[in-house]
Every structure is written in C-alpha cells, then in structure tokens.
N, C-alpha and C. Protein backbone atom coordinates (compact mmCIF):
# COMPACT_ATOMS: atom_id res chain seq x y z
N MET A 1 -16.22 -2.95 -9.44
CA MET A 1 -15.55 -3.58 -8.32
C MET A 1 -14.89 -4.88 -8.78
N LYS A 2 -13.60 -5.03 -8.45
CA LYS A 2 -12.85 -6.23 -8.78
C LYS A 2 -12.38 -6.90 -7.50
N TYR A 3 -12.26 -8.24 -7.54
CA TYR A 3 -11.87 -9.00 -6.36
C TYR A 3 -10.56 -9.74 -6.62
N ALA A 4 -9.64 -9.60 -5.66
CA ALA A 4 -8.35 -10.30 -5.75
C ALA A 4 -8.05 -10.96 -4.41
N ALA A 5 -7.16 -11.93 -4.43
CA ALA A 5 -6.68 -12.58 -3.20
C ALA A 5 -5.20 -12.24 -3.03
N HIS A 6 -4.78 -12.11 -1.78
CA HIS A 6 -3.43 -11.65 -1.48
C HIS A 6 -2.43 -12.80 -1.52
N SER A 7 -1.31 -12.54 -2.18
CA SER A 7 -0.26 -13.57 -2.30
C SER A 7 0.30 -13.99 -0.96
N LEU A 8 0.23 -13.12 0.05
CA LEU A 8 0.79 -13.45 1.36
C LEU A 8 0.06 -14.61 2.03
N MET A 9 -1.12 -14.95 1.56
CA MET A 9 -1.82 -16.10 2.12
C MET A 9 -1.13 -17.41 1.73
N TRP A 10 -0.30 -17.36 0.70
CA TRP A 10 0.39 -18.56 0.22
C TRP A 10 1.90 -18.49 0.34
N THR A 11 2.46 -17.31 0.21
CA THR A 11 3.92 -17.21 0.19
C THR A 11 4.38 -15.85 0.72
N PRO A 12 5.45 -15.81 1.50
CA PRO A 12 5.96 -14.53 2.00
C PRO A 12 6.70 -13.73 0.93
N GLU A 13 7.12 -14.42 -0.13
CA GLU A 13 7.85 -13.75 -1.21
C GLU A 13 7.45 -14.39 -2.54
N PHE A 14 6.80 -13.63 -3.39
CA PHE A 14 6.30 -14.16 -4.65
C PHE A 14 7.46 -14.29 -5.65
N THR A 15 7.71 -15.54 -6.09
CA THR A 15 8.76 -15.81 -7.06
C THR A 15 8.19 -16.68 -8.18
N GLU A 16 9.04 -17.11 -9.07
CA GLU A 16 8.58 -17.89 -10.23
C GLU A 16 7.86 -19.18 -9.83
N LYS A 17 8.24 -19.76 -8.70
CA LYS A 17 7.60 -21.00 -8.26
C LYS A 17 6.13 -20.81 -7.87
N ASP A 18 5.73 -19.55 -7.69
CA ASP A 18 4.36 -19.25 -7.26
C ASP A 18 3.44 -18.85 -8.41
N MET A 19 3.91 -18.95 -9.64
CA MET A 19 3.12 -18.50 -10.78
C MET A 19 1.78 -19.24 -10.92
N GLY A 20 1.72 -20.47 -10.40
CA GLY A 20 0.48 -21.24 -10.48
C GLY A 20 -0.68 -20.60 -9.74
N LEU A 21 -0.38 -19.63 -8.86
CA LEU A 21 -1.46 -18.94 -8.14
C LEU A 21 -2.40 -18.21 -9.09
N PHE A 22 -1.88 -17.74 -10.21
CA PHE A 22 -2.75 -17.07 -11.18
C PHE A 22 -3.86 -18.02 -11.64
N ASP A 23 -3.49 -19.23 -12.01
CA ASP A 23 -4.48 -20.21 -12.47
C ASP A 23 -5.41 -20.63 -11.33
N LYS A 24 -4.83 -20.84 -10.17
CA LYS A 24 -5.61 -21.27 -9.00
C LYS A 24 -6.69 -20.25 -8.66
N LEU A 25 -6.30 -18.97 -8.62
CA LEU A 25 -7.25 -17.93 -8.25
C LEU A 25 -8.28 -17.67 -9.34
N LYS A 26 -7.88 -17.83 -10.60
CA LYS A 26 -8.84 -17.69 -11.68
C LYS A 26 -9.92 -18.77 -11.57
N GLU A 27 -9.49 -19.99 -11.28
CA GLU A 27 -10.44 -21.10 -11.12
C GLU A 27 -11.38 -20.84 -9.94
N MET A 28 -10.91 -20.13 -8.94
CA MET A 28 -11.73 -19.83 -7.76
C MET A 28 -12.68 -18.66 -8.00
N GLY A 29 -12.53 -17.99 -9.13
CA GLY A 29 -13.46 -16.92 -9.46
C GLY A 29 -12.96 -15.52 -9.19
N PHE A 30 -11.69 -15.39 -8.82
CA PHE A 30 -11.14 -14.06 -8.57
C PHE A 30 -10.80 -13.35 -9.88
N ASP A 31 -10.74 -12.01 -9.79
CA ASP A 31 -10.38 -11.19 -10.95
C ASP A 31 -8.88 -10.94 -11.04
N GLY A 32 -8.19 -11.18 -9.93
CA GLY A 32 -6.76 -10.90 -9.95
C GLY A 32 -6.06 -11.39 -8.70
N ILE A 33 -4.80 -11.02 -8.59
CA ILE A 33 -3.98 -11.39 -7.45
C ILE A 33 -3.30 -10.13 -6.92
N GLU A 34 -3.22 -10.04 -5.60
CA GLU A 34 -2.54 -8.90 -4.99
C GLU A 34 -1.15 -9.34 -4.57
N LEU A 35 -0.15 -8.68 -5.09
CA LEU A 35 1.25 -9.03 -4.82
C LEU A 35 1.84 -8.08 -3.79
N HIS A 36 2.49 -8.66 -2.78
CA HIS A 36 3.16 -7.84 -1.76
C HIS A 36 4.58 -7.59 -2.22
N LEU A 37 4.95 -6.33 -2.33
CA LEU A 37 6.24 -5.96 -2.90
C LEU A 37 7.32 -5.82 -1.82
N ASN A 38 7.48 -6.87 -1.00
CA ASN A 38 8.54 -6.83 0.00
C ASN A 38 9.91 -7.11 -0.61
N HIS A 39 9.91 -7.85 -1.73
CA HIS A 39 11.16 -8.12 -2.45
C HIS A 39 10.90 -7.93 -3.95
N PRO A 40 10.70 -6.71 -4.39
CA PRO A 40 10.36 -6.48 -5.80
C PRO A 40 11.42 -6.98 -6.76
N GLU A 41 12.66 -7.03 -6.28
CA GLU A 41 13.75 -7.49 -7.16
C GLU A 41 13.61 -8.97 -7.49
N SER A 42 12.83 -9.71 -6.70
CA SER A 42 12.65 -11.14 -6.93
C SER A 42 11.47 -11.46 -7.85
N LEU A 43 10.67 -10.45 -8.17
CA LEU A 43 9.49 -10.70 -9.00
C LEU A 43 9.89 -11.12 -10.41
N PRO A 44 9.33 -12.21 -10.90
CA PRO A 44 9.58 -12.62 -12.29
C PRO A 44 8.70 -11.78 -13.23
N MET A 45 9.13 -10.57 -13.49
CA MET A 45 8.28 -9.59 -14.17
C MET A 45 7.74 -10.10 -15.51
N GLU A 46 8.60 -10.64 -16.35
CA GLU A 46 8.15 -11.08 -17.67
C GLU A 46 7.18 -12.25 -17.57
N LYS A 47 7.45 -13.16 -16.63
CA LYS A 47 6.56 -14.31 -16.42
C LYS A 47 5.18 -13.83 -15.96
N ILE A 48 5.18 -12.82 -15.08
CA ILE A 48 3.91 -12.28 -14.60
C ILE A 48 3.13 -11.63 -15.74
N LYS A 49 3.82 -10.89 -16.58
CA LYS A 49 3.15 -10.26 -17.73
C LYS A 49 2.52 -11.31 -18.63
N GLU A 50 3.27 -12.37 -18.89
CA GLU A 50 2.76 -13.46 -19.74
C GLU A 50 1.53 -14.11 -19.11
N LYS A 51 1.59 -14.33 -17.80
CA LYS A 51 0.50 -14.99 -17.10
C LYS A 51 -0.74 -14.10 -17.06
N MET A 52 -0.54 -12.82 -16.89
CA MET A 52 -1.66 -11.88 -16.92
C MET A 52 -2.34 -11.92 -18.28
N GLN A 53 -1.52 -11.98 -19.33
CA GLN A 53 -2.05 -12.02 -20.69
C GLN A 53 -2.81 -13.33 -20.93
N ASP A 54 -2.25 -14.43 -20.47
CA ASP A 54 -2.86 -15.75 -20.71
C ASP A 54 -4.15 -15.95 -19.93
N THR A 55 -4.19 -15.45 -18.69
CA THR A 55 -5.34 -15.71 -17.82
C THR A 55 -6.37 -14.58 -17.78
N GLY A 56 -5.96 -13.40 -18.21
CA GLY A 56 -6.85 -12.24 -18.10
C GLY A 56 -6.92 -11.70 -16.68
N MET A 57 -6.06 -12.21 -15.81
CA MET A 57 -6.02 -11.75 -14.42
C MET A 57 -5.22 -10.46 -14.30
N LYS A 58 -5.64 -9.59 -13.39
CA LYS A 58 -4.93 -8.34 -13.13
C LYS A 58 -4.17 -8.44 -11.81
N CYS A 59 -3.26 -7.48 -11.60
CA CYS A 59 -2.52 -7.42 -10.35
C CYS A 59 -2.78 -6.11 -9.61
N THR A 60 -2.91 -6.22 -8.30
CA THR A 60 -2.85 -5.05 -7.43
C THR A 60 -1.66 -5.27 -6.50
N PHE A 61 -1.30 -4.24 -5.73
CA PHE A 61 -0.02 -4.30 -5.03
C PHE A 61 -0.08 -3.65 -3.66
N THR A 62 0.59 -4.30 -2.70
CA THR A 62 0.78 -3.71 -1.38
C THR A 62 2.28 -3.66 -1.07
N ALA A 63 2.60 -2.83 -0.09
CA ALA A 63 3.99 -2.72 0.35
C ALA A 63 4.01 -2.20 1.78
N ALA A 64 5.15 -2.37 2.42
CA ALA A 64 5.36 -1.81 3.75
C ALA A 64 6.80 -1.29 3.82
N LEU A 65 6.96 -0.05 4.21
CA LEU A 65 8.29 0.52 4.31
C LEU A 65 8.95 0.08 5.61
N GLU A 66 10.27 0.28 5.69
CA GLU A 66 11.06 -0.20 6.81
C GLU A 66 11.84 0.94 7.46
N LYS A 67 12.58 0.62 8.50
CA LYS A 67 13.36 1.63 9.21
C LYS A 67 14.36 2.30 8.27
N LYS A 68 14.93 1.52 7.35
CA LYS A 68 15.96 2.06 6.46
C LYS A 68 15.42 3.03 5.42
N ASN A 69 14.11 3.00 5.18
CA ASN A 69 13.52 3.91 4.19
C ASN A 69 12.24 4.55 4.73
N ASN A 70 12.30 4.92 5.99
CA ASN A 70 11.16 5.48 6.71
C ASN A 70 10.93 6.95 6.30
N PRO A 71 9.80 7.26 5.67
CA PRO A 71 9.57 8.64 5.21
C PRO A 71 9.24 9.63 6.31
N ILE A 72 9.14 9.17 7.57
CA ILE A 72 8.92 10.11 8.67
C ILE A 72 10.12 10.16 9.62
N SER A 73 11.24 9.59 9.19
CA SER A 73 12.45 9.60 10.00
C SER A 73 12.96 11.03 10.22
N PRO A 74 13.56 11.32 11.38
CA PRO A 74 14.17 12.64 11.58
C PRO A 74 15.42 12.83 10.72
N ASP A 75 15.92 11.74 10.16
CA ASP A 75 17.10 11.79 9.30
C ASP A 75 16.67 12.06 7.85
N GLN A 76 17.09 13.17 7.31
CA GLN A 76 16.67 13.56 5.96
C GLN A 76 17.08 12.54 4.91
N LYS A 77 18.26 11.95 5.07
CA LYS A 77 18.72 10.96 4.09
C LYS A 77 17.81 9.73 4.07
N ILE A 78 17.34 9.33 5.24
CA ILE A 78 16.42 8.19 5.31
C ILE A 78 15.08 8.55 4.69
N ARG A 79 14.61 9.76 4.94
CA ARG A 79 13.35 10.20 4.32
C ARG A 79 13.48 10.21 2.80
N GLU A 80 14.60 10.69 2.31
CA GLU A 80 14.82 10.71 0.87
C GLU A 80 14.88 9.30 0.30
N ARG A 81 15.46 8.38 1.08
CA ARG A 81 15.49 6.98 0.66
C ARG A 81 14.08 6.40 0.62
N GLY A 82 13.22 6.86 1.54
CA GLY A 82 11.83 6.43 1.54
C GLY A 82 11.10 6.88 0.29
N ILE A 83 11.32 8.11 -0.11
CA ILE A 83 10.70 8.62 -1.34
C ILE A 83 11.20 7.84 -2.54
N ALA A 84 12.51 7.61 -2.59
CA ALA A 84 13.10 6.85 -3.70
C ALA A 84 12.53 5.43 -3.75
N SER A 85 12.36 4.80 -2.57
CA SER A 85 11.82 3.45 -2.51
C SER A 85 10.39 3.42 -3.03
N LEU A 86 9.58 4.39 -2.62
CA LEU A 86 8.21 4.44 -3.11
C LEU A 86 8.17 4.62 -4.62
N ASN A 87 9.05 5.47 -5.13
CA ASN A 87 9.08 5.68 -6.58
C ASN A 87 9.46 4.41 -7.33
N GLU A 88 10.39 3.65 -6.77
CA GLU A 88 10.78 2.38 -7.39
C GLU A 88 9.62 1.39 -7.39
N LEU A 89 8.86 1.37 -6.30
CA LEU A 89 7.70 0.48 -6.23
C LEU A 89 6.62 0.92 -7.22
N VAL A 90 6.45 2.22 -7.35
CA VAL A 90 5.50 2.74 -8.33
C VAL A 90 5.88 2.29 -9.74
N ASP A 91 7.17 2.26 -10.03
CA ASP A 91 7.63 1.79 -11.34
C ASP A 91 7.21 0.34 -11.59
N VAL A 92 7.33 -0.50 -10.54
CA VAL A 92 6.93 -1.90 -10.67
C VAL A 92 5.43 -1.99 -10.95
N VAL A 93 4.65 -1.24 -10.17
CA VAL A 93 3.19 -1.24 -10.35
C VAL A 93 2.82 -0.82 -11.76
N ALA A 94 3.43 0.25 -12.22
CA ALA A 94 3.11 0.77 -13.55
C ALA A 94 3.50 -0.22 -14.65
N GLU A 95 4.65 -0.86 -14.49
CA GLU A 95 5.11 -1.81 -15.51
C GLU A 95 4.17 -3.01 -15.62
N LEU A 96 3.55 -3.37 -14.48
CA LEU A 96 2.61 -4.49 -14.48
C LEU A 96 1.16 -4.04 -14.63
N LYS A 97 1.00 -2.82 -15.16
CA LYS A 97 -0.33 -2.29 -15.52
C LYS A 97 -1.26 -2.15 -14.32
N GLY A 98 -0.68 -1.92 -13.12
CA GLY A 98 -1.49 -1.68 -11.94
C GLY A 98 -1.83 -0.22 -11.80
N ASP A 99 -2.83 0.07 -10.97
CA ASP A 99 -3.21 1.47 -10.77
C ASP A 99 -3.10 1.91 -9.32
N VAL A 100 -2.69 0.99 -8.40
CA VAL A 100 -2.63 1.37 -7.00
C VAL A 100 -1.49 0.65 -6.28
N LEU A 101 -0.81 1.39 -5.42
CA LEU A 101 0.16 0.86 -4.48
C LEU A 101 -0.38 1.18 -3.10
N SER A 102 -0.72 0.17 -2.32
CA SER A 102 -1.36 0.41 -1.03
C SER A 102 -0.55 -0.21 0.10
N GLY A 103 -0.96 0.08 1.33
CA GLY A 103 -0.32 -0.52 2.48
C GLY A 103 0.28 0.51 3.44
N VAL A 104 1.27 0.05 4.21
CA VAL A 104 1.94 0.93 5.17
C VAL A 104 3.09 1.61 4.42
N ILE A 105 2.73 2.59 3.64
CA ILE A 105 3.69 3.28 2.78
C ILE A 105 3.92 4.72 3.24
N TYR A 106 3.61 4.97 4.50
CA TYR A 106 3.71 6.31 5.08
C TYR A 106 4.67 6.36 6.27
N ALA A 107 5.11 5.20 6.75
CA ALA A 107 6.00 5.09 7.91
C ALA A 107 6.64 3.71 7.88
N ALA A 108 7.52 3.46 8.83
CA ALA A 108 8.17 2.14 8.91
C ALA A 108 7.24 1.18 9.65
N TRP A 109 6.86 0.12 8.97
CA TRP A 109 5.95 -0.88 9.54
C TRP A 109 6.62 -1.61 10.71
N GLY A 110 5.93 -1.64 11.85
CA GLY A 110 6.44 -2.37 13.00
C GLY A 110 7.50 -1.64 13.81
N GLU A 111 7.79 -0.39 13.46
CA GLU A 111 8.79 0.39 14.19
C GLU A 111 8.10 1.35 15.16
N PHE A 112 8.62 1.43 16.37
CA PHE A 112 8.04 2.30 17.39
C PHE A 112 9.12 3.17 18.02
N THR A 113 8.75 4.40 18.36
CA THR A 113 9.70 5.33 18.98
C THR A 113 9.54 5.36 20.49
N GLY A 114 8.46 4.76 21.01
CA GLY A 114 8.17 4.85 22.43
C GLY A 114 7.43 6.12 22.79
N LYS A 115 7.05 6.90 21.75
CA LYS A 115 6.32 8.15 21.97
C LYS A 115 5.08 8.18 21.06
N MET A 116 4.23 9.14 21.34
CA MET A 116 3.10 9.38 20.45
C MET A 116 3.60 10.00 19.14
N ARG A 117 2.79 9.92 18.11
CA ARG A 117 3.11 10.58 16.84
C ARG A 117 3.33 12.07 17.08
N THR A 118 4.34 12.61 16.42
CA THR A 118 4.65 14.03 16.60
C THR A 118 4.22 14.86 15.40
N LYS A 119 4.12 16.16 15.61
CA LYS A 119 3.78 17.07 14.51
C LYS A 119 4.88 17.04 13.44
N GLU A 120 6.13 16.93 13.89
CA GLU A 120 7.23 16.88 12.92
C GLU A 120 7.10 15.65 12.02
N GLU A 121 6.77 14.50 12.60
CA GLU A 121 6.59 13.28 11.81
C GLU A 121 5.42 13.44 10.83
N TRP A 122 4.36 14.04 11.30
CA TRP A 122 3.18 14.28 10.45
C TRP A 122 3.58 15.13 9.24
N ASP A 123 4.33 16.19 9.51
CA ASP A 123 4.76 17.08 8.43
C ASP A 123 5.75 16.39 7.48
N TYR A 124 6.67 15.59 8.04
CA TYR A 124 7.59 14.84 7.20
C TYR A 124 6.80 13.92 6.26
N CYS A 125 5.79 13.27 6.81
CA CYS A 125 4.99 12.33 6.02
C CYS A 125 4.29 13.06 4.88
N LYS A 126 3.69 14.18 5.17
CA LYS A 126 2.97 14.95 4.15
C LYS A 126 3.90 15.35 3.01
N LYS A 127 5.07 15.83 3.36
CA LYS A 127 6.02 16.28 2.34
C LYS A 127 6.55 15.10 1.52
N SER A 128 6.88 14.01 2.21
CA SER A 128 7.41 12.84 1.51
C SER A 128 6.38 12.25 0.55
N LEU A 129 5.15 12.06 1.04
CA LEU A 129 4.12 11.44 0.21
C LEU A 129 3.69 12.35 -0.94
N PHE A 130 3.71 13.65 -0.71
CA PHE A 130 3.37 14.55 -1.82
C PHE A 130 4.38 14.40 -2.95
N LYS A 131 5.66 14.31 -2.59
CA LYS A 131 6.69 14.16 -3.62
C LYS A 131 6.51 12.84 -4.38
N SER A 132 6.23 11.77 -3.66
CA SER A 132 6.03 10.48 -4.33
C SER A 132 4.74 10.48 -5.14
N ALA A 133 3.72 11.20 -4.65
CA ALA A 133 2.46 11.28 -5.39
C ALA A 133 2.64 12.01 -6.72
N GLU A 134 3.50 13.00 -6.72
CA GLU A 134 3.80 13.71 -7.98
C GLU A 134 4.39 12.74 -8.99
N TYR A 135 5.28 11.88 -8.52
CA TYR A 135 5.89 10.88 -9.39
C TYR A 135 4.85 9.84 -9.81
N ALA A 136 4.05 9.39 -8.84
CA ALA A 136 3.04 8.36 -9.12
C ALA A 136 2.00 8.85 -10.13
N GLU A 137 1.67 10.12 -10.05
CA GLU A 137 0.67 10.67 -10.97
C GLU A 137 1.13 10.53 -12.43
N LYS A 138 2.40 10.75 -12.66
CA LYS A 138 2.95 10.63 -14.02
C LYS A 138 2.86 9.19 -14.52
N LYS A 139 2.86 8.24 -13.58
CA LYS A 139 2.81 6.82 -13.93
C LYS A 139 1.40 6.25 -13.90
N GLY A 140 0.43 7.08 -13.52
CA GLY A 140 -0.95 6.60 -13.45
C GLY A 140 -1.22 5.69 -12.26
N VAL A 141 -0.51 5.93 -11.16
CA VAL A 141 -0.63 5.08 -9.97
C VAL A 141 -1.10 5.91 -8.78
N VAL A 142 -2.03 5.34 -8.01
CA VAL A 142 -2.52 5.96 -6.78
C VAL A 142 -1.80 5.36 -5.59
N LEU A 143 -1.43 6.19 -4.61
CA LEU A 143 -0.89 5.73 -3.34
C LEU A 143 -2.03 5.67 -2.34
N ALA A 144 -2.37 4.46 -1.87
CA ALA A 144 -3.48 4.29 -0.95
C ALA A 144 -2.95 3.93 0.44
N LEU A 145 -3.20 4.78 1.42
CA LEU A 145 -2.62 4.65 2.75
C LEU A 145 -3.50 3.78 3.64
N GLU A 146 -2.90 2.76 4.24
CA GLU A 146 -3.65 1.81 5.05
C GLU A 146 -3.40 2.02 6.54
N PRO A 147 -4.41 2.49 7.29
CA PRO A 147 -4.25 2.54 8.74
C PRO A 147 -4.25 1.11 9.29
N VAL A 148 -3.32 0.82 10.18
CA VAL A 148 -3.24 -0.53 10.74
C VAL A 148 -3.30 -0.45 12.27
N ASN A 149 -3.39 -1.59 12.91
CA ASN A 149 -3.62 -1.60 14.35
C ASN A 149 -2.43 -1.07 15.15
N ARG A 150 -2.70 -0.73 16.39
CA ARG A 150 -1.72 -0.08 17.27
C ARG A 150 -0.50 -0.95 17.57
N TYR A 151 -0.59 -2.26 17.27
CA TYR A 151 0.54 -3.15 17.52
C TYR A 151 1.52 -3.17 16.34
N GLU A 152 1.10 -2.56 15.24
CA GLU A 152 1.93 -2.55 14.03
C GLU A 152 2.45 -1.16 13.68
N THR A 153 1.76 -0.12 14.15
CA THR A 153 2.25 1.24 13.97
C THR A 153 1.60 2.16 14.99
N TYR A 154 2.28 3.23 15.30
CA TYR A 154 1.71 4.27 16.16
C TYR A 154 1.27 5.47 15.32
N PHE A 155 1.52 5.40 14.00
CA PHE A 155 1.36 6.61 13.19
C PHE A 155 -0.06 6.78 12.64
N LEU A 156 -0.63 5.74 12.02
CA LEU A 156 -1.99 5.81 11.48
C LEU A 156 -2.75 4.56 11.90
N ASN A 157 -3.76 4.74 12.74
CA ASN A 157 -4.55 3.59 13.21
C ASN A 157 -6.01 3.65 12.81
N THR A 158 -6.51 4.82 12.46
CA THR A 158 -7.95 4.96 12.21
C THR A 158 -8.25 5.58 10.85
N ALA A 159 -9.46 5.32 10.38
CA ALA A 159 -9.91 5.92 9.13
C ALA A 159 -9.95 7.44 9.23
N GLU A 160 -10.33 7.94 10.40
CA GLU A 160 -10.42 9.39 10.59
C GLU A 160 -9.06 10.07 10.42
N ASP A 161 -8.04 9.51 11.06
CA ASP A 161 -6.70 10.09 10.93
C ASP A 161 -6.17 9.97 9.51
N THR A 162 -6.48 8.86 8.87
CA THR A 162 -5.99 8.65 7.50
C THR A 162 -6.65 9.63 6.55
N ARG A 163 -7.94 9.83 6.70
CA ARG A 163 -8.62 10.82 5.86
C ARG A 163 -8.03 12.22 6.10
N LYS A 164 -7.77 12.55 7.37
CA LYS A 164 -7.19 13.85 7.69
C LYS A 164 -5.85 14.03 6.99
N LEU A 165 -5.01 13.00 7.03
CA LEU A 165 -3.70 13.08 6.38
C LEU A 165 -3.85 13.24 4.87
N VAL A 166 -4.74 12.46 4.28
CA VAL A 166 -4.97 12.55 2.83
C VAL A 166 -5.46 13.94 2.45
N GLU A 167 -6.36 14.48 3.24
CA GLU A 167 -6.88 15.81 2.94
C GLU A 167 -5.79 16.87 3.05
N GLU A 168 -4.90 16.72 4.02
CA GLU A 168 -3.83 17.71 4.17
C GLU A 168 -2.76 17.57 3.10
N ILE A 169 -2.52 16.36 2.64
CA ILE A 169 -1.57 16.18 1.53
C ILE A 169 -2.15 16.82 0.27
N ALA A 170 -3.45 16.68 0.11
CA ALA A 170 -4.19 17.38 -0.96
C ALA A 170 -3.63 17.08 -2.34
N HIS A 171 -3.42 15.80 -2.60
CA HIS A 171 -2.98 15.39 -3.94
C HIS A 171 -3.94 14.32 -4.45
N PRO A 172 -4.40 14.43 -5.70
CA PRO A 172 -5.39 13.47 -6.21
C PRO A 172 -4.91 12.03 -6.26
N ASN A 173 -3.61 11.81 -6.18
CA ASN A 173 -3.08 10.45 -6.25
C ASN A 173 -2.72 9.88 -4.88
N VAL A 174 -3.25 10.48 -3.82
CA VAL A 174 -3.13 9.93 -2.48
C VAL A 174 -4.53 9.68 -1.95
N ARG A 175 -4.81 8.42 -1.61
CA ARG A 175 -6.14 8.03 -1.18
C ARG A 175 -6.06 7.08 0.01
N VAL A 176 -7.18 6.48 0.40
CA VAL A 176 -7.28 5.65 1.60
C VAL A 176 -7.45 4.18 1.22
N HIS A 177 -6.79 3.32 2.00
CA HIS A 177 -6.94 1.87 1.89
C HIS A 177 -7.38 1.37 3.26
N LEU A 178 -8.52 0.71 3.35
CA LEU A 178 -9.01 0.15 4.61
C LEU A 178 -8.92 -1.37 4.60
N ASP A 179 -8.70 -1.93 5.78
CA ASP A 179 -8.56 -3.38 5.95
C ASP A 179 -9.45 -3.79 7.12
N THR A 180 -10.40 -4.70 6.89
CA THR A 180 -11.35 -5.06 7.93
C THR A 180 -10.68 -5.69 9.16
N TYR A 181 -9.53 -6.33 8.98
CA TYR A 181 -8.81 -6.89 10.14
C TYR A 181 -8.44 -5.78 11.11
N HIS A 182 -7.87 -4.71 10.58
CA HIS A 182 -7.45 -3.60 11.43
C HIS A 182 -8.65 -2.79 11.91
N LEU A 183 -9.66 -2.65 11.07
CA LEU A 183 -10.87 -1.95 11.48
C LEU A 183 -11.51 -2.64 12.67
N ASN A 184 -11.46 -3.96 12.67
CA ASN A 184 -12.07 -4.74 13.76
C ASN A 184 -11.41 -4.45 15.11
N ILE A 185 -10.15 -4.05 15.08
CA ILE A 185 -9.42 -3.73 16.31
C ILE A 185 -9.59 -2.27 16.71
N GLU A 186 -9.51 -1.38 15.73
CA GLU A 186 -9.41 0.05 16.02
C GLU A 186 -10.70 0.85 15.87
N GLU A 187 -11.69 0.32 15.19
CA GLU A 187 -12.91 1.08 14.93
C GLU A 187 -14.11 0.47 15.66
N GLU A 188 -15.08 1.30 15.96
CA GLU A 188 -16.31 0.80 16.57
C GLU A 188 -17.25 0.19 15.54
N SER A 189 -17.10 0.59 14.27
CA SER A 189 -18.01 0.13 13.22
C SER A 189 -17.32 0.14 11.87
N PHE A 190 -17.40 -0.99 11.15
CA PHE A 190 -16.91 -1.02 9.78
C PHE A 190 -17.62 0.04 8.95
N TYR A 191 -18.92 0.08 9.10
CA TYR A 191 -19.76 0.99 8.30
C TYR A 191 -19.34 2.44 8.50
N GLU A 192 -19.16 2.84 9.77
CA GLU A 192 -18.80 4.22 10.04
C GLU A 192 -17.39 4.54 9.53
N ALA A 193 -16.48 3.57 9.63
CA ALA A 193 -15.12 3.80 9.13
C ALA A 193 -15.13 4.00 7.62
N ILE A 194 -15.91 3.19 6.92
CA ILE A 194 -16.01 3.32 5.47
C ILE A 194 -16.67 4.65 5.10
N LYS A 195 -17.69 5.04 5.87
CA LYS A 195 -18.33 6.35 5.64
C LYS A 195 -17.33 7.48 5.88
N THR A 196 -16.50 7.32 6.90
CA THR A 196 -15.51 8.35 7.21
C THR A 196 -14.52 8.51 6.06
N ALA A 197 -14.06 7.39 5.52
CA ALA A 197 -13.14 7.46 4.37
C ALA A 197 -13.83 8.11 3.17
N GLY A 198 -15.11 7.80 3.00
CA GLY A 198 -15.92 8.45 1.96
C GLY A 198 -15.34 8.29 0.57
N ASP A 199 -15.35 9.38 -0.16
CA ASP A 199 -14.87 9.37 -1.54
C ASP A 199 -13.37 9.16 -1.64
N TYR A 200 -12.67 9.24 -0.51
CA TYR A 200 -11.22 9.01 -0.53
C TYR A 200 -10.88 7.52 -0.52
N LEU A 201 -11.85 6.67 -0.22
CA LEU A 201 -11.59 5.23 -0.19
C LEU A 201 -11.32 4.70 -1.60
N TYR A 202 -10.14 4.09 -1.76
CA TYR A 202 -9.74 3.61 -3.08
C TYR A 202 -9.53 2.11 -3.11
N HIS A 203 -9.21 1.51 -1.96
CA HIS A 203 -8.85 0.09 -1.91
C HIS A 203 -9.33 -0.49 -0.60
N LEU A 204 -9.78 -1.76 -0.63
CA LEU A 204 -10.33 -2.38 0.56
C LEU A 204 -9.87 -3.82 0.69
N HIS A 205 -9.41 -4.18 1.89
CA HIS A 205 -9.09 -5.57 2.23
C HIS A 205 -10.21 -6.12 3.10
N GLY A 206 -10.70 -7.31 2.77
CA GLY A 206 -11.75 -7.90 3.57
C GLY A 206 -11.27 -9.16 4.27
C-alpha cells in the first residue's frame, strides 16, 4: 500500500511552478503525488521525471472526461474522441511510470441529460472502455472507474453499479476506484462498499 496526496488540494492545474510539491509531500511522509490530468499538455514532463528520480516519489493519476470527449455520447464521433482522449492520457501515465488512470473516465463529468442512465449509454460505455483497456494493457496501465455522487454524474454513483460495469466489460485492465467523499453521500457503509468492490478495487481516495 502506497500513500499519495492529490495535487488538486494545492493547484487546479499542475505546472512547473508547482514542482515544490514533490519535496513538500516527501517531507510530510507521503510516497507520491497524484496528478489530475485536466491539462496534460501543460505538464512539465521532463521536470517531473527528474523530480521523481531525485525524491524517490511516484505519481498516480486522475482524470475527468468532458462533453467534447464523452464516451457514452449518442454521437459516434464524440465517443471515438473519448477513446482517443483516454489513450492519450494513458500515454502520459505510462511515460511517467504510473500504473493507473482513475476518475470519471467513463462519462462526461458534470454533464446531465435530464434522464436516467440508458441501456444504450451503458453499452456505449462498455464498448468504449474495452477499446481503451486494450490500449492501456499494452502500456501496463489500469483504468480505474470512480463512482461519484449524484450531483456530479447520473451514470455511476455506487460501488455496486461500478462493479457490475467492470464485470460486464470483462477486461483485466478495468477496475474500481472508490472515494470516501462520494461513498459518504451515496453508500450506507464504507465497509460494505469496499466489500462490494472486492478484488476489483484498485485505487482508493480517503
């Protein structure tokens, strides 16, 4: 078990000016830093590699997809853009020696249709994530799906639904990511939610 702190607690976009977080978190006793890939093009990749080497700190990664690259969109071109976006993020993770890309990587974060989740969206998600998982497997990266509260998505809110989706995708590089903030809203028990995720649980936010 390794412990990291999320960059979003300090900055909405990790850039070269934030490199001191590696030293700060190492001094605090953490094993690494979790970088949110909302603007991967802004990441100082070489500086991060150097800092990882100097400090012995590792990186983990989260992301959230948007309306423009929503893998459950009824528009095929947007779904394809979602797959391409996930693959690009996987490349970043792999280059920085990470093993997991987690977060809201199954739908557009904060987007609502005004309806309940549909079977078509469920099927779009399964197909999109399977394709990205095939790519991620070649890079040694796991896609960990994070159920979040009902105010942030209508698609995945519970550990039970997330496990069901992972089981139906049936790919070894698709797993579950749980976050105690969201569990506190949507679940009756942290313990039961973690038990529900079971062996599929790959990443945890506390």
